[in-house]
Amino acid sequence: MTRGKCLVGLAVVTGALLGASATMRAQSPQGQQQPSARPGREQLPQPVYRVAQQVPDAGAIAANTNGNLPQQPEPVAQQEHPLVPALQIAYAAMNNISGNIKDYSCTMIKRERIDGKLNDPEFMHLRVRHQPFSVYMYFLGPERLRGQEAMYVSGQYNGNLLGHAGSGVRKLAGTVQLQPTGVMAMVGQRYPITEIGFLNLTKRLIEVAEQDKMFGECEVKFFKGAKINKRSATCIQVVHPVARKNFKFHKALVFVDDELNIPVRYEAHDWPERAGGPPMLLEEYTYTDIKINNGYTDATFSETNPEYHFR
C-alpha cells in the first residue's frame, strides 16, 4: 500500500464540524439539488430526537443526548423579522464565549451526510483554545476511528494540521502534516478542523441568519425546557417551508444551554426527497461534558505532550 493511500484513510481525523466553544469534561486519551416539497407548516415531532449511543469500546463513554421538547413553543413578541429574537440570542452567546471563555474541553458527537450518504455517529474528545486558536482531537469511536488524533495550532506547522491513524496499516504512516482544507484532509468531512468550536459555530449561525433575514418564508419557534444530556436548554427552530436557492436548509434546530449560554446541539435538515416525505438530516453535532477555562498552555497543544501519541 502506498503512503498516499494511507493518508487518505487518515484524513478522517481532520474533520471537525462547526462547533464547540465551551468545554465539556471527557475522558482523557489516557484513561469520547434539493427537490421542492409542497410548502406547509410542520408540526414539531414529539420528541424531536432521541439519541442513546454507547460508544463501542471507548472507555465506557456514553452520549445520552435525550432531547424532548415541550408541546407548545414559548410566545415571542413580534419583530420586523422572525429571526430577530434568535439573532439577539446568538449575538449574546457569541459575546459570552468571546469574553468569558478562554479554552474548553468536551465530548463531541457528530453525524454528517456526505455525498448523499448519512454516516454513522462519531465520538471524539476535544480540547480548544481561542488565542492562539488551537484544537486537539482524539477519536473515541467508532472502533474503526478509535485512537486517531489530530491537532491544529494557528501559526504552527506551516499552517498544516498534524494527524495520525489509531490502528492498522494506516498507523504505519506515523504522524503526517495535511493542509486543513486540502482534498486529503476533507475526505469524509463537511468542515475543516479550523472551523471547529462553539465560537466558530455561533459566528456561522449568525452569518446564515443575517443572510436569511433578507428574505421571507421563514418560521421561527422557541421552546423552553428542552433537555440535552439532562441539562436544561432552549431550542430555537427555524423552518423554510419552500426550497429556495438562497436557503441552506429546510429546518434547523439550535439548542442553547440555559446556564452556560452556549449552543450545545445543532442539527440541520434538507427538504424531503418527495412531497410529504420526512426531512433529510444533513448534519448534527452535540456537545456534552462541558468544562471551561482549564488553563491550557502551549504544552497542551504540542506534539511532544506525553498524553498524546504523535511521532
Protein backbone atom coordinates (compact mmCIF):
# COMPACT_ATOMS: atom_id res chain seq x y z
CA MET A 1 0.00 0.00 0.00
CA THR A 2 1.38 3.40 -0.89
CA ARG A 3 1.87 6.15 1.64
CA GLY A 4 -0.70 8.25 -0.25
CA LYS A 5 -3.38 5.62 0.29
CA CYS A 6 -2.53 5.51 3.94
CA LEU A 7 -3.01 9.23 4.20
CA VAL A 8 -6.40 9.10 2.53
CA GLY A 9 -7.52 6.75 5.24
CA LEU A 10 -6.09 9.07 7.84
CA ALA A 11 -7.88 12.13 6.50
CA VAL A 12 -10.94 11.46 8.59
CA VAL A 13 -9.12 12.70 11.70
CA THR A 14 -9.19 16.24 10.45
CA GLY A 15 -12.93 16.61 10.35
CA ALA A 16 -14.48 18.87 12.77
CA LEU A 17 -17.68 20.40 12.48
CA LEU A 18 -18.81 23.77 13.12
CA GLY A 19 -18.65 23.87 16.52
CA ALA A 20 -17.65 23.79 20.14
CA SER A 21 -16.52 26.62 22.31
CA ALA A 22 -17.50 25.67 25.79
CA THR A 23 -15.75 22.83 27.47
CA MET A 24 -17.03 19.52 28.18
CA ARG A 25 -15.43 17.12 30.56
CA ALA A 26 -14.50 13.98 28.66
CA GLN A 27 -12.31 11.03 29.47
CA SER A 28 -8.75 11.86 28.58
CA PRO A 29 -6.89 9.99 25.86
CA GLN A 30 -5.16 8.05 28.62
CA GLY A 31 -7.82 6.80 30.98
CA GLN A 32 -15.33 10.14 23.97
CA GLN A 33 -30.27 19.64 -5.75
CA GLN A 34 -32.81 19.72 -3.31
CA PRO A 35 -36.19 18.94 -4.91
CA SER A 36 -39.04 21.19 -3.93
CA ALA A 37 -41.54 19.84 -1.45
CA ARG A 38 -45.09 21.03 -1.03
CA PRO A 39 -44.99 24.13 1.20
CA GLY A 40 -46.65 23.97 4.56
CA ARG A 41 -46.10 24.47 8.28
CA GLU A 42 -44.67 21.44 10.01
CA GLN A 43 -45.67 20.16 13.40
CA LEU A 44 -42.67 19.71 15.64
CA PRO A 45 -42.22 15.96 16.24
CA GLN A 46 -42.53 14.87 19.84
CA PRO A 47 -39.87 14.08 20.77
CA VAL A 48 -37.71 15.82 18.19
CA TYR A 49 -34.97 13.27 18.61
CA ARG A 50 -33.76 10.64 20.96
CA VAL A 51 -30.13 9.58 20.72
CA ALA A 52 -28.81 6.99 23.11
CA GLN A 53 -25.49 5.81 21.74
CA GLN A 54 -22.97 3.66 23.57
CA VAL A 55 -19.53 4.19 22.15
CA PRO A 56 -18.06 0.79 21.28
CA ASP A 57 -15.05 0.06 23.47
CA ALA A 58 -14.44 3.73 24.10
CA GLY A 59 -13.74 3.75 27.79
CA ALA A 60 -17.43 3.45 28.63
CA ILE A 61 -18.04 6.95 27.27
CA ALA A 62 -21.78 7.21 26.70
CA ALA A 63 -23.53 10.06 24.92
CA ASN A 64 -27.07 10.27 26.23
CA THR A 65 -28.40 13.23 24.30
CA ASN A 66 -32.07 12.81 25.04
CA GLY A 67 -33.84 15.94 23.85
CA ASN A 68 -37.56 16.22 24.46
CA LEU A 69 -39.26 19.46 23.52
CA PRO A 70 -42.34 20.78 25.28
CA GLN A 71 -45.64 20.54 23.43
CA GLN A 72 -46.06 24.29 22.95
CA PRO A 73 -43.48 26.90 21.95
CA GLU A 74 -42.88 29.96 24.06
CA PRO A 75 -44.64 33.10 22.78
CA VAL A 76 -42.28 35.64 21.25
CA ALA A 77 -43.01 39.32 20.67
CA GLN A 78 -43.48 40.21 17.02
CA GLN A 79 -40.43 41.71 15.37
CA GLU A 80 -39.69 43.08 11.93
CA HIS A 81 -38.43 39.62 11.01
CA PRO A 82 -38.96 36.31 12.86
CA LEU A 83 -35.20 35.78 13.08
CA VAL A 84 -34.54 38.95 15.07
CA PRO A 85 -35.08 37.34 18.52
CA ALA A 86 -32.94 34.35 17.52
CA LEU A 87 -30.17 36.67 16.37
CA GLN A 88 -30.29 38.50 19.69
CA ILE A 89 -29.70 35.20 21.48
CA ALA A 90 -26.88 34.28 19.09
CA TYR A 91 -25.07 37.61 19.50
CA ALA A 92 -25.36 37.32 23.29
CA ALA A 93 -23.88 33.81 23.14
CA MET A 94 -21.04 34.98 20.89
CA ASN A 95 -20.18 37.82 23.26
CA ASN A 96 -20.29 35.42 26.21
CA ILE A 97 -17.97 32.95 24.52
CA SER A 98 -15.55 35.64 23.32
CA GLY A 99 -15.44 37.47 26.62
CA ASN A 100 -15.62 34.72 29.22
CA ILE A 101 -14.24 31.51 27.76
CA LYS A 102 -10.53 31.17 27.08
CA ASP A 103 -10.47 27.42 26.47
CA TYR A 104 -12.55 24.31 26.99
CA SER A 105 -12.75 20.56 26.64
CA CYS A 106 -15.75 18.49 25.60
CA THR A 107 -17.08 15.33 24.07
CA MET A 108 -18.48 15.95 20.61
CA ILE A 109 -20.84 13.59 18.81
CA LYS A 110 -21.21 14.35 15.14
CA ARG A 111 -23.15 12.83 12.27
CA GLU A 112 -22.94 14.11 8.70
CA ARG A 113 -24.36 13.31 5.30
CA ILE A 114 -21.52 13.05 2.79
CA ASP A 115 -22.18 12.57 -0.94
CA GLY A 116 -25.78 11.66 -0.18
CA LYS A 117 -24.95 9.06 2.49
CA LEU A 118 -25.70 9.63 6.17
CA ASN A 119 -22.68 8.37 8.09
CA ASP A 120 -22.71 6.71 11.50
CA PRO A 121 -22.16 8.90 14.59
CA GLU A 122 -18.57 9.69 15.52
CA PHE A 123 -17.42 10.42 19.07
CA MET A 124 -14.39 12.49 19.96
CA HIS A 125 -12.72 14.26 22.83
CA LEU A 126 -11.85 17.89 22.05
CA ARG A 127 -9.62 20.49 23.61
CA VAL A 128 -9.92 24.00 22.21
CA ARG A 129 -8.12 27.26 22.99
CA HIS A 130 -9.21 30.58 21.48
CA GLN A 131 -5.90 32.52 21.47
CA PRO A 132 -3.98 31.43 19.54
CA PHE A 133 -6.66 29.21 18.05
CA SER A 134 -5.71 25.63 18.90
CA VAL A 135 -7.50 22.30 18.61
CA TYR A 136 -6.64 18.83 19.86
CA MET A 137 -8.91 15.94 18.83
CA TYR A 138 -8.94 12.31 19.96
CA PHE A 139 -11.41 9.83 18.45
CA LEU A 140 -13.25 7.67 20.97
CA GLY A 141 -15.37 5.75 18.47
CA PRO A 142 -16.50 4.02 16.42
CA GLU A 143 -13.88 1.29 16.53
CA ARG A 144 -12.53 1.98 13.04
CA LEU A 145 -11.54 5.51 14.15
CA ARG A 146 -10.67 4.89 17.77
CA GLY A 147 -7.25 6.22 18.76
CA GLN A 148 -6.87 8.67 15.88
CA GLU A 149 -5.50 12.06 16.86
CA ALA A 150 -5.39 15.42 15.13
CA MET A 151 -4.04 18.77 16.20
CA TYR A 152 -4.08 22.25 14.72
CA VAL A 153 -2.41 25.37 16.11
CA SER A 154 -2.74 28.69 14.34
CA GLY A 155 0.68 29.85 13.13
CA GLN A 156 2.33 26.47 13.65
CA TYR A 157 3.34 23.62 11.33
CA ASN A 158 3.26 25.91 8.25
CA GLY A 159 -0.49 26.21 8.61
CA ASN A 160 -0.98 22.44 8.49
CA LEU A 161 -2.60 20.06 10.93
CA LEU A 162 -0.90 17.07 12.49
CA GLY A 163 -2.65 13.73 12.36
CA HIS A 164 -2.18 10.01 12.66
CA ALA A 165 -4.37 6.93 12.44
CA GLY A 166 -5.20 4.90 15.51
CA SER A 167 -4.58 1.37 14.32
CA GLY A 168 -3.99 -0.93 11.38
CA VAL A 169 -1.88 -0.37 8.27
CA ARG A 170 -2.69 3.34 8.20
CA LYS A 171 -0.93 3.80 11.52
CA LEU A 172 2.37 2.83 9.87
CA ALA A 173 2.41 6.20 8.11
CA GLY A 174 3.03 7.81 11.51
CA THR A 175 2.29 11.48 12.07
CA VAL A 176 1.75 13.46 8.91
CA GLN A 177 1.03 17.09 8.09
CA LEU A 178 -2.03 17.93 5.99
CA GLN A 179 -3.45 21.17 4.69
CA PRO A 180 -6.71 21.61 6.65
CA THR A 181 -8.80 22.44 3.59
CA GLY A 182 -6.92 20.15 1.21
CA VAL A 183 -8.52 17.26 -0.64
CA MET A 184 -6.99 14.60 1.58
CA ALA A 185 -7.93 16.30 4.83
CA MET A 186 -11.51 16.85 3.69
CA VAL A 187 -12.27 13.25 2.74
CA GLY A 188 -15.48 12.33 4.53
CA GLN A 189 -15.83 15.75 6.18
CA ARG A 190 -18.20 18.68 5.76
CA TYR A 191 -15.94 21.18 7.54
CA PRO A 192 -12.21 21.56 8.23
CA ILE A 193 -10.68 21.43 11.68
CA THR A 194 -10.10 25.21 11.51
CA GLU A 195 -13.89 25.74 11.82
CA ILE A 196 -14.43 23.68 14.93
CA GLY A 197 -15.59 25.15 18.22
CA PHE A 198 -18.56 26.90 19.77
CA LEU A 199 -17.33 30.34 18.77
CA ASN A 200 -16.98 29.34 15.12
CA LEU A 201 -20.37 27.63 15.22
CA THR A 202 -22.07 30.68 16.68
CA LYS A 203 -20.46 33.02 14.16
CA ARG A 204 -21.58 30.75 11.33
CA LEU A 205 -25.15 30.63 12.65
CA ILE A 206 -25.21 34.44 12.82
CA GLU A 207 -23.85 34.70 9.29
CA VAL A 208 -26.55 32.40 7.91
CA ALA A 209 -29.33 34.06 9.92
CA GLU A 210 -28.32 37.55 8.79
CA GLN A 211 -28.46 36.31 5.20
CA ASP A 212 -31.84 34.62 5.70
CA LYS A 213 -33.19 37.79 7.33
CA MET A 214 -33.12 39.40 3.88
CA PHE A 215 -35.93 37.09 2.75
CA GLY A 216 -39.35 35.98 3.89
CA GLU A 217 -40.70 32.41 4.10
CA CYS A 218 -39.13 31.87 7.50
CA GLU A 219 -40.85 30.40 10.55
CA VAL A 220 -39.17 30.62 13.94
CA LYS A 221 -40.27 28.96 17.20
CA PHE A 222 -38.73 28.92 20.66
CA PHE A 223 -39.08 26.01 23.07
CA LYS A 224 -38.14 26.33 26.73
CA GLY A 225 -37.39 23.30 28.85
CA ALA A 226 -35.63 21.18 26.25
CA LYS A 227 -33.03 18.73 27.59
CA ILE A 228 -29.59 17.90 26.25
CA ASN A 229 -27.89 15.19 28.25
CA LYS A 230 -30.23 16.07 31.17
CA ARG A 231 -29.21 19.76 31.05
CA SER A 232 -31.82 22.46 30.55
CA ALA A 233 -31.70 24.21 27.18
CA THR A 234 -33.74 26.49 24.96
CA CYS A 235 -34.44 25.18 21.46
CA ILE A 236 -34.67 27.59 18.52
CA GLN A 237 -36.36 26.02 15.49
CA VAL A 238 -36.08 27.71 12.08
CA VAL A 239 -38.08 26.40 9.12
CA HIS A 240 -38.05 27.47 5.47
CA PRO A 241 -41.20 25.76 4.12
CA VAL A 242 -40.28 26.15 0.44
CA ALA A 243 -36.99 25.15 -1.15
CA ARG A 244 -35.20 28.24 -2.47
CA LYS A 245 -31.67 28.58 -3.75
CA ASN A 246 -30.92 31.29 -1.17
CA PHE A 247 -31.68 28.95 1.75
CA LYS A 248 -29.10 26.46 3.00
CA PHE A 249 -31.54 24.22 4.89
CA HIS A 250 -35.21 23.33 5.25
CA LYS A 251 -35.21 23.06 9.03
CA ALA A 252 -32.60 23.76 11.67
CA LEU A 253 -32.66 23.40 15.43
CA VAL A 254 -30.22 25.07 17.77
CA PHE A 255 -30.15 24.14 21.47
CA VAL A 256 -28.62 26.75 23.77
CA ASP A 257 -27.59 25.65 27.26
CA ASP A 258 -29.53 27.81 29.72
CA GLU A 259 -26.74 28.00 32.28
CA LEU A 260 -23.67 28.27 30.06
CA ASN A 261 -25.33 30.33 27.30
CA ILE A 262 -23.62 28.40 24.52
CA PRO A 263 -25.03 26.24 21.70
CA VAL A 264 -24.70 22.59 22.72
CA ARG A 265 -26.54 20.96 19.84
CA TYR A 266 -27.14 21.90 16.21
CA GLU A 267 -28.98 19.92 13.58
CA ALA A 268 -29.93 20.83 10.01
CA HIS A 269 -32.33 19.06 7.64
CA ASP A 270 -32.75 19.24 3.87
CA TRP A 271 -36.12 19.35 2.15
CA PRO A 272 -37.81 15.96 1.68
CA GLU A 273 -36.87 13.95 -1.36
CA ARG A 274 -40.56 13.80 -2.25
CA ALA A 275 -43.51 15.97 -1.30
CA GLY A 276 -44.94 14.89 2.03
CA GLY A 277 -41.87 12.86 2.96
CA PRO A 278 -39.70 13.39 6.04
CA PRO A 279 -36.90 15.97 6.01
CA MET A 280 -33.41 14.56 5.39
CA LEU A 281 -30.82 15.02 8.12
CA LEU A 282 -27.79 16.86 6.73
CA GLU A 283 -25.69 17.23 9.86
CA GLU A 284 -25.95 17.15 13.62
CA TYR A 285 -23.47 18.00 16.36
CA THR A 286 -23.96 17.51 20.08
CA TYR A 287 -21.58 18.63 22.82
CA THR A 288 -21.55 17.11 26.28
CA ASP A 289 -19.41 17.08 29.44
CA ILE A 290 -18.56 20.76 29.16
CA LYS A 291 -15.59 22.06 31.12
CA ILE A 292 -14.43 25.61 30.52
CA ASN A 293 -11.31 27.64 31.32
CA ASN A 294 -8.93 24.79 32.07
CA GLY A 295 -5.81 26.96 31.84
CA TYR A 296 -4.48 25.33 28.68
CA THR A 297 -0.95 26.34 27.64
CA ASP A 298 1.23 25.84 24.59
CA ALA A 299 2.25 22.48 26.07
CA THR A 300 -1.38 21.34 25.84
CA PHE A 301 -1.19 21.73 22.07
CA SER A 302 2.30 20.36 21.48
CA GLU A 303 3.07 17.16 19.61
CA THR A 304 5.54 16.34 22.42
CA ASN A 305 2.79 16.29 25.04
CA PRO A 306 3.21 12.89 26.78
CA GLU A 307 -0.57 12.38 26.84
CA TYR A 308 -0.61 12.22 23.04
CA HIS A 309 0.81 9.77 20.53
CA PHE A 310 2.19 11.91 17.72
CA ARG A 311 5.50 10.71 16.35
